[in-house]
Amino acid sequence: MKFIVITSPEFIPGEAFFIRRLFDCGLDILHLRKPGSSVTGCAQLLDELPAEVRRRIVTHDHFSLCGDYGLFGVHLNCRNPAVPSGLCPASVSASCHSVAEVRQRKTGCDYVFMSPVFDSISKRGYSAAYSDEALCRASSDGTIDSRVMALGGVSLGNIGALRRWGFGGAAFLGDVWRLSADEAAFTRHACELRCSLDENI
């Protein structure tokens, strides 16, 4: 299963270090999501990362950074609903908040996020939107497949359920960044996530 992490919405101390550590632990893709941040702020973070790391980053804003920094791709959202003319990213992804939207958007994307699958860790009051029955049905009819990544409340303890439902990977946010004050715990947890995602393959 794919291992994806979304950045904290705010810049955090030592963020470039932690991003490099995630890739050391086997991260597949990092989503750079800093809503409300300036292009300069995002560029400063990218400047602290080597080219081999930048090639595995997808940006949610300031799509010009994709070409300027050789990023992997862009993520479409309500702020940026379309790929700008002239930009040819290696990857295009999008966020979906219903089974119908997943079906619709998969055709034009390399992969999509489906959320919230579980109660959010980082957004209080943001509850799971799908029942076990609905997710099993979406898996059976082929809506959930290797190009659908679970988002929302994903943690070490529920990766097994994601595998049962047929998700191609998981995107983590609160579960990872809650440990950024403790380098050892952060690294250990990231490596545990990678191992769990790789089980039974």
N, C-alpha and C. Protein backbone atom coordinates (compact mmCIF):
# COMPACT_ATOMS: atom_id res chain seq x y z
N MET A 1 0.84 -1.20 0.00
CA MET A 1 0.00 0.00 0.00
C MET A 1 0.87 1.25 0.00
N LYS A 2 0.42 2.28 -0.69
CA LYS A 2 1.16 3.54 -0.75
C LYS A 2 1.17 4.25 0.61
N PHE A 3 2.30 4.82 0.93
CA PHE A 3 2.50 5.57 2.17
C PHE A 3 2.63 7.04 1.79
N ILE A 4 1.60 7.83 2.12
CA ILE A 4 1.55 9.25 1.78
C ILE A 4 1.38 10.06 3.07
N VAL A 5 2.08 11.15 3.17
CA VAL A 5 1.90 12.07 4.30
C VAL A 5 1.59 13.45 3.76
N ILE A 6 0.64 14.12 4.39
CA ILE A 6 0.29 15.50 4.08
C ILE A 6 0.95 16.39 5.13
N THR A 7 1.56 17.47 4.70
CA THR A 7 2.22 18.35 5.67
C THR A 7 1.22 18.98 6.62
N SER A 8 1.73 19.41 7.76
CA SER A 8 0.92 20.22 8.67
C SER A 8 0.52 21.49 7.92
N PRO A 9 -0.70 22.01 8.14
CA PRO A 9 -1.09 23.23 7.41
C PRO A 9 -0.25 24.45 7.74
N GLU A 10 0.39 24.45 8.90
CA GLU A 10 1.28 25.54 9.30
C GLU A 10 2.72 25.05 9.20
N PHE A 11 3.63 25.98 8.95
CA PHE A 11 5.04 25.62 8.96
C PHE A 11 5.45 25.30 10.40
N ILE A 12 6.26 24.26 10.55
CA ILE A 12 6.69 23.86 11.88
C ILE A 12 8.22 23.88 11.96
N PRO A 13 8.79 24.08 13.14
CA PRO A 13 10.25 24.09 13.28
C PRO A 13 10.87 22.78 12.83
N GLY A 14 11.93 22.87 12.06
CA GLY A 14 12.63 21.68 11.60
C GLY A 14 11.86 20.84 10.59
N GLU A 15 10.91 21.46 9.89
CA GLU A 15 10.04 20.68 9.00
C GLU A 15 10.81 19.95 7.90
N ALA A 16 11.80 20.59 7.32
CA ALA A 16 12.57 19.94 6.25
C ALA A 16 13.27 18.69 6.78
N PHE A 17 13.77 18.78 8.00
CA PHE A 17 14.42 17.61 8.62
C PHE A 17 13.43 16.47 8.74
N PHE A 18 12.23 16.75 9.24
CA PHE A 18 11.23 15.70 9.42
C PHE A 18 10.76 15.13 8.09
N ILE A 19 10.68 15.96 7.07
CA ILE A 19 10.30 15.46 5.74
C ILE A 19 11.36 14.49 5.22
N ARG A 20 12.62 14.85 5.38
CA ARG A 20 13.69 13.93 4.96
C ARG A 20 13.63 12.63 5.75
N ARG A 21 13.34 12.74 7.03
CA ARG A 21 13.24 11.55 7.87
C ARG A 21 12.11 10.63 7.40
N LEU A 22 10.98 11.21 6.99
CA LEU A 22 9.88 10.41 6.48
C LEU A 22 10.31 9.60 5.26
N PHE A 23 11.03 10.23 4.36
CA PHE A 23 11.49 9.51 3.17
C PHE A 23 12.53 8.45 3.54
N ASP A 24 13.34 8.72 4.54
CA ASP A 24 14.28 7.70 5.02
C ASP A 24 13.53 6.47 5.53
N CYS A 25 12.33 6.69 6.05
CA CYS A 25 11.52 5.59 6.60
C CYS A 25 10.65 4.91 5.56
N GLY A 26 10.74 5.33 4.30
CA GLY A 26 10.02 4.65 3.24
C GLY A 26 8.79 5.35 2.71
N LEU A 27 8.65 6.65 3.01
CA LEU A 27 7.52 7.40 2.46
C LEU A 27 7.55 7.36 0.93
N ASP A 28 6.37 7.21 0.32
CA ASP A 28 6.28 7.22 -1.14
C ASP A 28 6.10 8.64 -1.68
N ILE A 29 5.15 9.38 -1.13
CA ILE A 29 4.82 10.71 -1.64
C ILE A 29 4.50 11.64 -0.47
N LEU A 30 4.99 12.87 -0.55
CA LEU A 30 4.62 13.90 0.41
C LEU A 30 3.73 14.91 -0.29
N HIS A 31 2.61 15.26 0.34
CA HIS A 31 1.73 16.30 -0.18
C HIS A 31 2.00 17.59 0.58
N LEU A 32 2.46 18.60 -0.15
CA LEU A 32 2.73 19.91 0.42
C LEU A 32 1.43 20.71 0.43
N ARG A 33 0.84 20.81 1.61
CA ARG A 33 -0.44 21.51 1.75
C ARG A 33 -0.29 22.57 2.84
N LYS A 34 -0.19 23.83 2.42
CA LYS A 34 -0.06 24.96 3.33
C LYS A 34 -1.07 26.03 2.92
N PRO A 35 -2.37 25.78 3.13
CA PRO A 35 -3.37 26.76 2.70
C PRO A 35 -3.15 28.12 3.35
N GLY A 36 -3.20 29.16 2.55
CA GLY A 36 -2.99 30.50 3.07
C GLY A 36 -1.54 30.94 3.11
N SER A 37 -0.63 30.03 2.82
CA SER A 37 0.79 30.39 2.83
C SER A 37 1.18 31.06 1.52
N SER A 38 2.27 31.79 1.55
CA SER A 38 2.76 32.47 0.35
C SER A 38 3.60 31.52 -0.48
N VAL A 39 3.75 31.84 -1.75
CA VAL A 39 4.62 31.04 -2.60
C VAL A 39 6.05 31.12 -2.09
N THR A 40 6.44 32.24 -1.51
CA THR A 40 7.79 32.40 -0.97
C THR A 40 8.02 31.45 0.20
N GLY A 41 7.02 31.34 1.07
CA GLY A 41 7.16 30.45 2.22
C GLY A 41 7.32 29.00 1.79
N CYS A 42 6.52 28.58 0.83
CA CYS A 42 6.63 27.21 0.33
C CYS A 42 7.96 26.99 -0.37
N ALA A 43 8.40 27.98 -1.13
CA ALA A 43 9.68 27.87 -1.84
C ALA A 43 10.84 27.76 -0.86
N GLN A 44 10.76 28.48 0.24
CA GLN A 44 11.82 28.41 1.24
C GLN A 44 11.93 27.00 1.83
N LEU A 45 10.79 26.36 2.06
CA LEU A 45 10.82 24.98 2.55
C LEU A 45 11.42 24.05 1.49
N LEU A 46 11.00 24.21 0.24
CA LEU A 46 11.53 23.37 -0.84
C LEU A 46 13.03 23.58 -1.03
N ASP A 47 13.49 24.80 -0.81
CA ASP A 47 14.93 25.09 -0.93
C ASP A 47 15.77 24.27 0.05
N GLU A 48 15.15 23.86 1.15
CA GLU A 48 15.87 23.10 2.18
C GLU A 48 15.90 21.60 1.88
N LEU A 49 15.25 21.19 0.80
CA LEU A 49 15.16 19.77 0.48
C LEU A 49 15.96 19.44 -0.78
N PRO A 50 16.61 18.28 -0.82
CA PRO A 50 17.37 17.90 -2.01
C PRO A 50 16.44 17.55 -3.17
N ALA A 51 16.99 17.58 -4.37
CA ALA A 51 16.19 17.34 -5.58
C ALA A 51 15.51 15.98 -5.56
N GLU A 52 16.19 14.95 -5.01
CA GLU A 52 15.58 13.62 -5.00
C GLU A 52 14.34 13.54 -4.12
N VAL A 53 14.26 14.41 -3.12
CA VAL A 53 13.07 14.50 -2.28
C VAL A 53 11.99 15.32 -2.99
N ARG A 54 12.38 16.42 -3.58
CA ARG A 54 11.40 17.28 -4.27
C ARG A 54 10.68 16.53 -5.39
N ARG A 55 11.36 15.59 -6.01
CA ARG A 55 10.75 14.81 -7.10
C ARG A 55 9.62 13.91 -6.62
N ARG A 56 9.45 13.82 -5.31
CA ARG A 56 8.39 12.96 -4.75
C ARG A 56 7.38 13.79 -3.94
N ILE A 57 7.30 15.08 -4.27
CA ILE A 57 6.38 15.99 -3.58
C ILE A 57 5.28 16.44 -4.53
N VAL A 58 4.07 16.46 -4.02
CA VAL A 58 2.89 16.96 -4.75
C VAL A 58 2.43 18.22 -4.03
N THR A 59 2.18 19.28 -4.77
CA THR A 59 1.75 20.54 -4.15
C THR A 59 0.25 20.77 -4.31
N HIS A 60 -0.35 21.33 -3.26
CA HIS A 60 -1.79 21.66 -3.27
C HIS A 60 -2.04 23.12 -3.68
N ASP A 61 -1.00 23.93 -3.66
CA ASP A 61 -1.13 25.36 -3.97
C ASP A 61 0.10 25.81 -4.75
N HIS A 62 -0.01 27.02 -5.33
CA HIS A 62 1.14 27.60 -6.05
C HIS A 62 1.71 26.58 -7.04
N PHE A 63 0.87 26.19 -8.00
CA PHE A 63 1.24 25.13 -8.94
C PHE A 63 2.48 25.45 -9.76
N SER A 64 2.86 26.70 -9.83
CA SER A 64 4.09 27.06 -10.55
C SER A 64 5.31 26.41 -9.92
N LEU A 65 5.22 26.08 -8.62
CA LEU A 65 6.34 25.43 -7.93
C LEU A 65 6.65 24.07 -8.54
N CYS A 66 5.64 23.45 -9.13
CA CYS A 66 5.83 22.12 -9.72
C CYS A 66 6.90 22.16 -10.80
N GLY A 67 6.81 23.14 -11.69
CA GLY A 67 7.82 23.28 -12.73
C GLY A 67 9.11 23.87 -12.22
N ASP A 68 9.01 24.85 -11.34
CA ASP A 68 10.21 25.54 -10.84
C ASP A 68 11.11 24.63 -10.02
N TYR A 69 10.50 23.68 -9.30
CA TYR A 69 11.29 22.83 -8.39
C TYR A 69 11.30 21.35 -8.80
N GLY A 70 10.73 21.03 -9.93
CA GLY A 70 10.74 19.64 -10.38
C GLY A 70 9.94 18.72 -9.47
N LEU A 71 8.79 19.21 -8.99
CA LEU A 71 7.96 18.40 -8.11
C LEU A 71 7.26 17.29 -8.88
N PHE A 72 6.77 16.30 -8.15
CA PHE A 72 6.13 15.14 -8.77
C PHE A 72 4.79 15.50 -9.39
N GLY A 73 4.02 16.36 -8.73
CA GLY A 73 2.72 16.65 -9.29
C GLY A 73 1.94 17.71 -8.56
N VAL A 74 0.65 17.82 -8.92
CA VAL A 74 -0.26 18.80 -8.31
C VAL A 74 -1.50 18.08 -7.82
N HIS A 75 -2.10 18.67 -6.78
CA HIS A 75 -3.33 18.11 -6.20
C HIS A 75 -4.45 19.12 -6.36
N LEU A 76 -5.49 18.72 -7.08
CA LEU A 76 -6.61 19.62 -7.35
C LEU A 76 -7.52 19.72 -6.12
N ASN A 77 -8.03 20.92 -5.89
CA ASN A 77 -8.88 21.17 -4.73
C ASN A 77 -9.76 22.39 -5.02
N CYS A 78 -10.55 22.80 -4.06
CA CYS A 78 -11.47 23.93 -4.29
C CYS A 78 -10.71 25.22 -4.56
N ARG A 79 -9.50 25.36 -4.04
CA ARG A 79 -8.70 26.57 -4.29
C ARG A 79 -8.06 26.54 -5.67
N ASN A 80 -7.74 25.34 -6.12
CA ASN A 80 -7.06 25.15 -7.41
C ASN A 80 -7.71 23.97 -8.12
N PRO A 81 -8.84 24.20 -8.80
CA PRO A 81 -9.63 23.09 -9.34
C PRO A 81 -9.15 22.50 -10.66
N ALA A 82 -8.15 23.12 -11.29
CA ALA A 82 -7.72 22.62 -12.60
C ALA A 82 -6.22 22.81 -12.77
N VAL A 83 -5.62 21.98 -13.60
CA VAL A 83 -4.20 22.12 -13.92
C VAL A 83 -4.03 23.32 -14.86
N PRO A 84 -3.15 24.25 -14.53
CA PRO A 84 -2.98 25.43 -15.39
C PRO A 84 -2.50 25.06 -16.79
N SER A 85 -2.93 25.81 -17.76
CA SER A 85 -2.51 25.59 -19.13
C SER A 85 -0.99 25.69 -19.23
N GLY A 86 -0.39 24.75 -19.91
CA GLY A 86 1.05 24.76 -20.11
C GLY A 86 1.82 23.95 -19.09
N LEU A 87 1.17 23.58 -17.99
CA LEU A 87 1.84 22.78 -16.96
C LEU A 87 1.54 21.31 -17.22
N CYS A 88 2.59 20.49 -17.23
CA CYS A 88 2.41 19.05 -17.50
C CYS A 88 3.02 18.23 -16.37
N PRO A 89 2.34 18.18 -15.23
CA PRO A 89 2.89 17.44 -14.08
C PRO A 89 2.90 15.94 -14.33
N ALA A 90 3.82 15.24 -13.68
CA ALA A 90 3.88 13.79 -13.81
C ALA A 90 2.67 13.14 -13.16
N SER A 91 2.11 13.80 -12.14
CA SER A 91 0.98 13.24 -11.42
C SER A 91 -0.07 14.30 -11.14
N VAL A 92 -1.33 13.91 -11.29
CA VAL A 92 -2.46 14.77 -10.92
C VAL A 92 -3.35 13.96 -9.98
N SER A 93 -3.65 14.54 -8.82
CA SER A 93 -4.51 13.88 -7.85
C SER A 93 -5.59 14.85 -7.41
N ALA A 94 -6.57 14.34 -6.66
CA ALA A 94 -7.67 15.19 -6.21
C ALA A 94 -8.29 14.60 -4.94
N SER A 95 -9.02 15.44 -4.23
CA SER A 95 -9.72 15.02 -3.03
C SER A 95 -11.18 14.75 -3.34
N CYS A 96 -11.71 13.65 -2.77
CA CYS A 96 -13.10 13.26 -2.98
C CYS A 96 -13.78 13.03 -1.63
N HIS A 97 -15.04 13.43 -1.56
CA HIS A 97 -15.75 13.33 -0.28
C HIS A 97 -17.04 12.53 -0.39
N SER A 98 -17.15 11.73 -1.44
CA SER A 98 -18.27 10.81 -1.58
C SER A 98 -17.86 9.70 -2.54
N VAL A 99 -18.58 8.58 -2.47
CA VAL A 99 -18.31 7.47 -3.38
C VAL A 99 -18.53 7.90 -4.83
N ALA A 100 -19.59 8.68 -5.06
CA ALA A 100 -19.88 9.14 -6.42
C ALA A 100 -18.76 10.03 -6.95
N GLU A 101 -18.21 10.87 -6.09
CA GLU A 101 -17.12 11.75 -6.53
C GLU A 101 -15.87 10.95 -6.85
N VAL A 102 -15.61 9.90 -6.09
CA VAL A 102 -14.47 9.03 -6.39
C VAL A 102 -14.62 8.44 -7.79
N ARG A 103 -15.80 7.92 -8.09
CA ARG A 103 -16.03 7.35 -9.42
C ARG A 103 -15.80 8.39 -10.52
N GLN A 104 -16.28 9.60 -10.27
CA GLN A 104 -16.20 10.66 -11.28
C GLN A 104 -14.77 11.12 -11.50
N ARG A 105 -14.02 11.31 -10.41
CA ARG A 105 -12.71 11.96 -10.53
C ARG A 105 -11.57 11.00 -10.85
N LYS A 106 -11.77 9.73 -10.60
CA LYS A 106 -10.70 8.77 -10.88
C LYS A 106 -10.28 8.79 -12.34
N THR A 107 -11.23 9.03 -13.24
CA THR A 107 -10.92 8.96 -14.66
C THR A 107 -9.92 10.02 -15.10
N GLY A 108 -9.90 11.17 -14.42
CA GLY A 108 -9.00 12.24 -14.83
C GLY A 108 -7.80 12.41 -13.93
N CYS A 109 -7.58 11.47 -13.01
CA CYS A 109 -6.48 11.60 -12.05
C CYS A 109 -5.65 10.32 -11.99
N ASP A 110 -4.43 10.47 -11.54
CA ASP A 110 -3.57 9.31 -11.32
C ASP A 110 -3.99 8.57 -10.05
N TYR A 111 -4.43 9.32 -9.06
CA TYR A 111 -5.00 8.74 -7.85
C TYR A 111 -5.83 9.80 -7.16
N VAL A 112 -6.70 9.37 -6.23
CA VAL A 112 -7.54 10.31 -5.49
C VAL A 112 -7.51 9.98 -4.01
N PHE A 113 -7.79 11.00 -3.19
CA PHE A 113 -8.01 10.81 -1.76
C PHE A 113 -9.52 10.64 -1.54
N MET A 114 -9.89 9.69 -0.71
CA MET A 114 -11.28 9.51 -0.31
C MET A 114 -11.36 9.79 1.19
N SER A 115 -12.18 10.76 1.59
CA SER A 115 -12.22 11.14 3.00
C SER A 115 -13.59 11.68 3.39
N PRO A 116 -13.82 11.75 4.71
CA PRO A 116 -13.02 11.15 5.78
C PRO A 116 -13.45 9.70 6.02
N VAL A 117 -12.48 8.80 5.99
CA VAL A 117 -12.77 7.38 6.17
C VAL A 117 -13.01 7.06 7.65
N PHE A 118 -12.22 7.71 8.52
CA PHE A 118 -12.39 7.58 9.96
C PHE A 118 -12.56 8.98 10.56
N ASP A 119 -12.90 9.05 11.82
CA ASP A 119 -12.98 10.34 12.49
C ASP A 119 -11.61 11.00 12.45
N SER A 120 -11.58 12.27 12.04
CA SER A 120 -10.31 12.98 11.86
C SER A 120 -9.55 13.14 13.17
N ILE A 121 -8.23 13.04 13.08
CA ILE A 121 -7.36 13.28 14.23
C ILE A 121 -7.03 14.76 14.35
N SER A 122 -6.85 15.43 13.21
CA SER A 122 -6.42 16.83 13.23
C SER A 122 -7.56 17.83 13.20
N LYS A 123 -8.75 17.40 12.77
CA LYS A 123 -9.91 18.31 12.68
C LYS A 123 -11.00 17.85 13.64
N ARG A 124 -11.14 18.54 14.74
CA ARG A 124 -12.14 18.15 15.74
C ARG A 124 -13.55 18.26 15.16
N GLY A 125 -14.37 17.23 15.39
CA GLY A 125 -15.74 17.23 14.91
C GLY A 125 -15.90 16.78 13.47
N TYR A 126 -14.80 16.42 12.82
CA TYR A 126 -14.84 15.96 11.42
C TYR A 126 -14.95 14.44 11.44
N SER A 127 -16.17 13.92 11.36
CA SER A 127 -16.43 12.50 11.58
C SER A 127 -16.39 11.69 10.29
N ALA A 128 -16.21 10.39 10.46
CA ALA A 128 -16.21 9.48 9.31
C ALA A 128 -17.50 9.62 8.51
N ALA A 129 -17.36 9.58 7.19
CA ALA A 129 -18.51 9.81 6.31
C ALA A 129 -19.08 8.53 5.73
N TYR A 130 -18.45 7.39 6.02
CA TYR A 130 -18.88 6.14 5.38
C TYR A 130 -19.02 5.03 6.42
N SER A 131 -20.00 4.19 6.21
CA SER A 131 -20.18 3.01 7.05
C SER A 131 -19.30 1.88 6.51
N ASP A 132 -19.09 0.88 7.33
CA ASP A 132 -18.37 -0.30 6.88
C ASP A 132 -19.08 -0.93 5.67
N GLU A 133 -20.38 -0.96 5.72
CA GLU A 133 -21.17 -1.53 4.62
C GLU A 133 -20.95 -0.76 3.32
N ALA A 134 -20.94 0.57 3.42
CA ALA A 134 -20.75 1.39 2.21
C ALA A 134 -19.36 1.19 1.62
N LEU A 135 -18.35 1.07 2.48
CA LEU A 135 -16.98 0.89 1.99
C LEU A 135 -16.80 -0.50 1.40
N CYS A 136 -17.42 -1.51 2.01
CA CYS A 136 -17.37 -2.87 1.44
C CYS A 136 -18.03 -2.91 0.07
N ARG A 137 -19.15 -2.20 -0.07
CA ARG A 137 -19.86 -2.16 -1.35
C ARG A 137 -19.02 -1.44 -2.41
N ALA A 138 -18.38 -0.32 -2.01
CA ALA A 138 -17.54 0.44 -2.95
C ALA A 138 -16.32 -0.36 -3.36
N SER A 139 -15.85 -1.22 -2.47
CA SER A 139 -14.74 -2.10 -2.81
C SER A 139 -15.19 -3.19 -3.78
N SER A 140 -16.34 -3.78 -3.49
CA SER A 140 -16.86 -4.87 -4.32
C SER A 140 -17.15 -4.43 -5.75
N ASP A 141 -17.65 -3.19 -5.89
CA ASP A 141 -18.01 -2.73 -7.25
C ASP A 141 -16.84 -2.07 -7.98
N GLY A 142 -15.66 -2.08 -7.36
CA GLY A 142 -14.46 -1.58 -8.02
C GLY A 142 -14.22 -0.09 -7.88
N THR A 143 -15.07 0.60 -7.11
CA THR A 143 -14.84 2.04 -6.91
C THR A 143 -13.56 2.25 -6.11
N ILE A 144 -13.42 1.53 -5.01
CA ILE A 144 -12.18 1.57 -4.24
C ILE A 144 -11.22 0.56 -4.85
N ASP A 145 -10.07 1.06 -5.28
CA ASP A 145 -9.06 0.20 -5.87
C ASP A 145 -7.68 0.77 -5.58
N SER A 146 -6.67 0.34 -6.32
CA SER A 146 -5.29 0.74 -6.04
C SER A 146 -5.04 2.23 -6.25
N ARG A 147 -5.95 2.93 -6.92
CA ARG A 147 -5.77 4.36 -7.16
C ARG A 147 -6.54 5.23 -6.17
N VAL A 148 -7.13 4.61 -5.16
CA VAL A 148 -7.89 5.35 -4.15
C VAL A 148 -7.15 5.26 -2.81
N MET A 149 -6.79 6.42 -2.26
CA MET A 149 -6.06 6.50 -1.00
C MET A 149 -6.99 6.97 0.12
N ALA A 150 -6.95 6.29 1.22
CA ALA A 150 -7.80 6.65 2.36
C ALA A 150 -7.20 7.83 3.11
N LEU A 151 -8.06 8.76 3.49
CA LEU A 151 -7.65 9.94 4.25
C LEU A 151 -8.69 10.21 5.33
N GLY A 152 -8.22 10.71 6.45
CA GLY A 152 -9.12 11.08 7.54
C GLY A 152 -9.07 10.09 8.68
N GLY A 153 -8.34 10.44 9.73
CA GLY A 153 -8.26 9.59 10.91
C GLY A 153 -7.47 8.32 10.73
N VAL A 154 -6.69 8.23 9.66
CA VAL A 154 -5.91 7.02 9.42
C VAL A 154 -4.76 6.94 10.42
N SER A 155 -4.59 5.77 11.02
CA SER A 155 -3.54 5.57 12.01
C SER A 155 -3.05 4.13 11.94
N LEU A 156 -2.04 3.83 12.73
CA LEU A 156 -1.47 2.48 12.73
C LEU A 156 -2.53 1.43 13.03
N GLY A 157 -3.46 1.77 13.90
CA GLY A 157 -4.44 0.79 14.35
C GLY A 157 -5.52 0.44 13.35
N ASN A 158 -5.70 1.23 12.30
CA ASN A 158 -6.79 0.91 11.37
C ASN A 158 -6.32 0.61 9.94
N ILE A 159 -5.03 0.40 9.76
CA ILE A 159 -4.52 0.06 8.43
C ILE A 159 -5.09 -1.27 7.95
N GLY A 160 -5.31 -2.21 8.88
CA GLY A 160 -5.88 -3.50 8.51
C GLY A 160 -7.25 -3.36 7.86
N ALA A 161 -8.07 -2.44 8.38
CA ALA A 161 -9.39 -2.20 7.80
C ALA A 161 -9.26 -1.64 6.40
N LEU A 162 -8.30 -0.75 6.18
CA LEU A 162 -8.10 -0.18 4.85
C LEU A 162 -7.73 -1.26 3.85
N ARG A 163 -6.92 -2.19 4.29
CA ARG A 163 -6.53 -3.30 3.41
C ARG A 163 -7.75 -4.15 3.07
N ARG A 164 -8.58 -4.40 4.05
CA ARG A 164 -9.79 -5.20 3.83
C ARG A 164 -10.72 -4.52 2.83
N TRP A 165 -10.80 -3.19 2.89
CA TRP A 165 -11.67 -2.46 1.98
C TRP A 165 -11.05 -2.27 0.59
N GLY A 166 -9.78 -2.60 0.44
CA GLY A 166 -9.16 -2.56 -0.88
C GLY A 166 -8.50 -1.25 -1.27
N PHE A 167 -8.24 -0.37 -0.30
CA PHE A 167 -7.57 0.90 -0.63
C PHE A 167 -6.15 0.65 -1.12
N GLY A 168 -5.71 1.50 -2.04
CA GLY A 168 -4.37 1.39 -2.57
C GLY A 168 -3.30 1.99 -1.70
N GLY A 169 -3.71 2.74 -0.69
CA GLY A 169 -2.76 3.36 0.21
C GLY A 169 -3.47 4.24 1.21
N ALA A 170 -2.68 4.94 2.00
CA ALA A 170 -3.24 5.78 3.04
C ALA A 170 -2.46 7.09 3.12
N ALA A 171 -3.19 8.16 3.39
CA ALA A 171 -2.59 9.49 3.57
C ALA A 171 -2.73 9.87 5.04
N PHE A 172 -1.61 10.19 5.66
CA PHE A 172 -1.57 10.51 7.08
C PHE A 172 -1.31 12.00 7.28
N LEU A 173 -1.90 12.54 8.32
CA LEU A 173 -1.66 13.94 8.67
C LEU A 173 -1.47 14.05 10.19
N GLY A 174 -2.56 14.13 10.94
CA GLY A 174 -2.46 14.30 12.38
C GLY A 174 -1.72 13.19 13.08
N ASP A 175 -1.90 11.96 12.62
CA ASP A 175 -1.26 10.82 13.26
C ASP A 175 0.26 10.91 13.23
N VAL A 176 0.80 11.55 12.20
CA VAL A 176 2.26 11.68 12.05
C VAL A 176 2.78 12.94 12.74
N TRP A 177 2.15 14.07 12.44
CA TRP A 177 2.72 15.34 12.92
C TRP A 177 2.51 15.60 14.40
N ARG A 178 1.64 14.83 15.06
CA ARG A 178 1.47 14.98 16.51
C ARG A 178 2.75 14.61 17.26
N LEU A 179 3.66 13.91 16.57
CA LEU A 179 4.90 13.46 17.20
C LEU A 179 6.12 14.30 16.82
N SER A 180 5.90 15.43 16.17
CA SER A 180 7.04 16.21 15.64
C SER A 180 7.90 16.85 16.73
N ALA A 181 7.44 16.84 17.97
CA ALA A 181 8.26 17.39 19.06
C ALA A 181 9.28 16.36 19.57
N ASP A 182 9.15 15.12 19.13
CA ASP A 182 10.02 14.04 19.61
C ASP A 182 10.60 13.30 18.40
N GLU A 183 11.84 13.63 18.05
CA GLU A 183 12.45 13.08 16.84
C GLU A 183 12.47 11.56 16.83
N ALA A 184 12.84 10.95 17.95
CA ALA A 184 12.93 9.49 18.00
C ALA A 184 11.55 8.85 17.83
N ALA A 185 10.56 9.38 18.53
CA ALA A 185 9.21 8.83 18.43
C ALA A 185 8.64 9.02 17.03
N PHE A 186 8.90 10.17 16.43
CA PHE A 186 8.44 10.47 15.07
C PHE A 186 9.02 9.45 14.09
N THR A 187 10.32 9.23 14.17
CA THR A 187 10.99 8.30 13.26
C THR A 187 10.50 6.88 13.46
N ARG A 188 10.40 6.47 14.71
CA ARG A 188 9.94 5.11 15.02
C ARG A 188 8.53 4.87 14.47
N HIS A 189 7.66 5.86 14.68
CA HIS A 189 6.27 5.71 14.23
C HIS A 189 6.18 5.66 12.70
N ALA A 190 6.94 6.51 12.03
CA ALA A 190 6.93 6.51 10.56
C ALA A 190 7.38 5.15 10.02
N CYS A 191 8.40 4.58 10.61
CA CYS A 191 8.88 3.27 10.17
C CYS A 191 7.85 2.18 10.46
N GLU A 192 7.14 2.29 11.58
CA GLU A 192 6.08 1.33 11.91
C GLU A 192 4.94 1.41 10.89
N LEU A 193 4.61 2.62 10.48
CA LEU A 193 3.56 2.79 9.47
C LEU A 193 3.96 2.13 8.16
N ARG A 194 5.21 2.35 7.75
CA ARG A 194 5.69 1.74 6.51
C ARG A 194 5.61 0.21 6.58
N CYS A 195 6.04 -0.35 7.70
CA CYS A 195 6.00 -1.80 7.86
C CYS A 195 4.57 -2.33 7.83
N SER A 196 3.66 -1.63 8.51
CA SER A 196 2.27 -2.07 8.54
C SER A 196 1.63 -2.01 7.16
N LEU A 197 1.93 -0.96 6.41
CA LEU A 197 1.39 -0.83 5.05
C LEU A 197 1.92 -1.91 4.12
N ASP A 198 3.10 -2.43 4.43
CA ASP A 198 3.72 -3.46 3.58
C ASP A 198 3.30 -4.88 3.95
N GLU A 199 2.59 -5.06 5.04
CA GLU A 199 2.23 -6.40 5.49
C GLU A 199 1.31 -7.12 4.50
N ASN A 200 1.51 -8.43 4.41
CA ASN A 200 0.62 -9.30 3.62
C ASN A 200 0.53 -8.90 2.15
N ILE A 201 1.62 -8.41 1.60
CA ILE A 201 1.62 -8.04 0.18
C ILE A 201 2.19 -9.21 -0.64
